[in-house]
N, C-alpha and C. Protein backbone atom coordinates (compact mmCIF):
# COMPACT_ATOMS: atom_id res chain seq x y z
N MET A 1 0.86 -1.16 0.00
CA MET A 1 0.00 0.00 0.00
C MET A 1 0.91 1.24 0.00
N ASP A 2 0.69 2.12 -0.93
CA ASP A 2 1.48 3.34 -1.03
C ASP A 2 0.95 4.39 -0.06
N MET A 3 1.77 4.73 0.93
CA MET A 3 1.37 5.73 1.93
C MET A 3 2.23 6.99 1.82
N THR A 4 2.90 7.16 0.69
CA THR A 4 3.82 8.28 0.50
C THR A 4 3.17 9.63 0.78
N ASP A 5 1.95 9.82 0.31
CA ASP A 5 1.28 11.12 0.45
C ASP A 5 0.39 11.22 1.68
N ALA A 6 0.42 10.21 2.53
CA ALA A 6 -0.44 10.23 3.73
C ALA A 6 -0.02 11.38 4.65
N ARG A 7 -1.01 12.15 5.07
CA ARG A 7 -0.77 13.22 6.05
C ARG A 7 -1.36 12.74 7.38
N TRP A 8 -0.47 12.33 8.26
CA TRP A 8 -0.87 11.74 9.53
C TRP A 8 -1.19 12.83 10.55
N ARG A 9 -2.21 12.58 11.35
CA ARG A 9 -2.55 13.47 12.47
C ARG A 9 -2.93 12.59 13.64
N THR A 10 -2.66 13.07 14.83
CA THR A 10 -3.01 12.33 16.03
C THR A 10 -4.50 12.47 16.28
N ALA A 11 -5.15 11.39 16.56
CA ALA A 11 -6.58 11.40 16.80
C ALA A 11 -6.91 12.33 17.98
N THR A 12 -8.04 12.98 17.90
CA THR A 12 -8.46 13.95 18.90
C THR A 12 -8.50 13.38 20.31
N ARG A 13 -8.92 12.13 20.45
CA ARG A 13 -9.06 11.51 21.76
C ARG A 13 -7.78 10.90 22.30
N SER A 14 -6.72 10.93 21.55
CA SER A 14 -5.45 10.38 22.03
C SER A 14 -4.86 11.30 23.08
N SER A 15 -4.19 10.70 24.04
CA SER A 15 -3.58 11.50 25.10
C SER A 15 -2.21 12.00 24.65
N ASN A 16 -1.73 13.04 25.28
CA ASN A 16 -0.44 13.63 24.95
C ASN A 16 0.68 13.15 25.87
N ASN A 17 0.40 12.18 26.73
CA ASN A 17 1.39 11.77 27.71
C ASN A 17 2.09 10.46 27.34
N GLY A 18 2.10 10.12 26.06
CA GLY A 18 2.76 8.89 25.64
C GLY A 18 1.92 7.65 25.82
N GLY A 19 0.66 7.83 26.14
CA GLY A 19 -0.24 6.70 26.35
C GLY A 19 -0.81 6.18 25.06
N ASP A 20 -2.11 6.02 25.04
CA ASP A 20 -2.80 5.47 23.88
C ASP A 20 -2.89 6.51 22.78
N CYS A 21 -2.10 6.34 21.73
CA CYS A 21 -2.09 7.31 20.65
C CYS A 21 -2.36 6.63 19.32
N VAL A 22 -3.34 7.14 18.63
CA VAL A 22 -3.69 6.64 17.31
C VAL A 22 -3.51 7.77 16.32
N GLU A 23 -2.91 7.46 15.18
CA GLU A 23 -2.76 8.44 14.11
C GLU A 23 -3.65 8.04 12.95
N VAL A 24 -4.23 9.05 12.31
CA VAL A 24 -5.16 8.82 11.22
C VAL A 24 -4.70 9.65 10.02
N ALA A 25 -4.76 9.05 8.85
CA ALA A 25 -4.52 9.77 7.59
C ALA A 25 -5.78 9.60 6.75
N ASP A 26 -6.52 10.69 6.57
CA ASP A 26 -7.77 10.61 5.82
C ASP A 26 -7.74 11.47 4.56
N ASN A 27 -6.56 11.72 4.05
CA ASN A 27 -6.43 12.57 2.87
C ASN A 27 -6.23 11.77 1.57
N LEU A 28 -6.19 10.46 1.66
CA LEU A 28 -5.97 9.65 0.46
C LEU A 28 -7.31 9.23 -0.14
N PRO A 29 -7.41 9.21 -1.46
CA PRO A 29 -8.69 8.86 -2.08
C PRO A 29 -9.07 7.40 -1.81
N GLY A 30 -10.30 7.22 -1.34
CA GLY A 30 -10.84 5.88 -1.18
C GLY A 30 -10.41 5.09 0.02
N ARG A 31 -9.65 5.71 0.94
CA ARG A 31 -9.24 4.96 2.13
C ARG A 31 -8.85 5.89 3.26
N VAL A 32 -9.00 5.38 4.46
CA VAL A 32 -8.57 6.06 5.68
C VAL A 32 -7.59 5.11 6.35
N LEU A 33 -6.42 5.62 6.69
CA LEU A 33 -5.37 4.80 7.30
C LEU A 33 -5.29 5.10 8.79
N VAL A 34 -5.03 4.06 9.58
CA VAL A 34 -4.93 4.19 11.04
C VAL A 34 -3.72 3.40 11.50
N ARG A 35 -2.93 3.98 12.41
CA ARG A 35 -1.76 3.28 12.96
C ARG A 35 -1.52 3.72 14.40
N ASP A 36 -0.70 2.95 15.08
CA ASP A 36 -0.29 3.24 16.46
C ASP A 36 0.91 4.18 16.39
N SER A 37 0.82 5.34 16.99
CA SER A 37 1.91 6.33 16.91
C SER A 37 3.17 5.86 17.63
N LYS A 38 3.03 4.90 18.56
CA LYS A 38 4.21 4.40 19.27
C LYS A 38 4.92 3.30 18.50
N ASP A 39 4.26 2.77 17.46
CA ASP A 39 4.83 1.68 16.66
C ASP A 39 4.43 1.89 15.20
N ARG A 40 4.93 2.95 14.62
CA ARG A 40 4.52 3.35 13.27
C ARG A 40 4.85 2.31 12.20
N ASP A 41 5.85 1.48 12.45
CA ASP A 41 6.20 0.43 11.48
C ASP A 41 5.51 -0.89 11.80
N GLY A 42 4.69 -0.91 12.82
CA GLY A 42 4.06 -2.14 13.27
C GLY A 42 2.83 -2.55 12.49
N GLY A 43 2.43 -1.77 11.54
CA GLY A 43 1.26 -2.11 10.73
C GLY A 43 0.30 -0.94 10.63
N THR A 44 -0.43 -0.94 9.56
CA THR A 44 -1.40 0.12 9.29
C THR A 44 -2.71 -0.53 8.87
N LEU A 45 -3.79 -0.07 9.45
CA LEU A 45 -5.11 -0.53 9.06
C LEU A 45 -5.66 0.41 8.00
N ALA A 46 -6.37 -0.14 7.02
CA ALA A 46 -6.99 0.68 5.97
C ALA A 46 -8.49 0.42 5.99
N PHE A 47 -9.26 1.50 5.97
CA PHE A 47 -10.71 1.43 5.99
C PHE A 47 -11.28 2.19 4.80
N ALA A 48 -12.42 1.74 4.33
CA ALA A 48 -13.18 2.54 3.36
C ALA A 48 -13.69 3.77 4.11
N PRO A 49 -13.74 4.91 3.45
CA PRO A 49 -14.20 6.13 4.15
C PRO A 49 -15.56 5.97 4.83
N ALA A 50 -16.50 5.28 4.20
CA ALA A 50 -17.82 5.10 4.81
C ALA A 50 -17.73 4.25 6.07
N ALA A 51 -16.90 3.23 6.06
CA ALA A 51 -16.73 2.38 7.24
C ALA A 51 -16.10 3.17 8.39
N TRP A 52 -15.09 3.98 8.08
CA TRP A 52 -14.45 4.80 9.10
C TRP A 52 -15.43 5.81 9.68
N SER A 53 -16.20 6.43 8.83
CA SER A 53 -17.19 7.41 9.28
C SER A 53 -18.21 6.75 10.21
N SER A 54 -18.67 5.56 9.87
CA SER A 54 -19.61 4.83 10.73
C SER A 54 -18.99 4.51 12.08
N PHE A 55 -17.75 4.08 12.09
CA PHE A 55 -17.04 3.78 13.33
C PHE A 55 -16.95 5.03 14.22
N VAL A 56 -16.54 6.14 13.62
CA VAL A 56 -16.40 7.38 14.39
C VAL A 56 -17.76 7.82 14.94
N ASP A 57 -18.83 7.69 14.15
CA ASP A 57 -20.17 8.05 14.64
C ASP A 57 -20.58 7.21 15.83
N VAL A 58 -20.31 5.90 15.80
CA VAL A 58 -20.67 5.02 16.91
C VAL A 58 -19.88 5.41 18.16
N VAL A 59 -18.59 5.68 18.00
CA VAL A 59 -17.77 6.07 19.15
C VAL A 59 -18.28 7.38 19.75
N ARG A 60 -18.59 8.32 18.91
CA ARG A 60 -19.11 9.61 19.41
C ARG A 60 -20.42 9.44 20.17
N ARG A 61 -21.30 8.62 19.64
CA ARG A 61 -22.60 8.39 20.30
C ARG A 61 -22.42 7.68 21.64
N SER A 62 -21.47 6.76 21.73
CA SER A 62 -21.27 6.02 22.95
C SER A 62 -20.54 6.83 24.01
N ASP A 63 -19.95 7.94 23.60
CA ASP A 63 -19.18 8.79 24.51
C ASP A 63 -20.08 9.75 25.30
N ARG A 64 -21.34 9.74 25.02
CA ARG A 64 -22.27 10.69 25.67
C ARG A 64 -22.74 10.18 26.98
């Protein structure tokens, strides 16, 4: 998977103290990439944009 142009950002809910950190790249056409910021070479998950959006919606709803 070519991730050359991926623009990674730390997820909003990730902590800044070196704990649970997830990075997301949602600028590539047709996919959203997710990885662990503490182990960037450990693997990357790829989601269809609609699947990622559904996941984020469920997490937001459950956070209330």
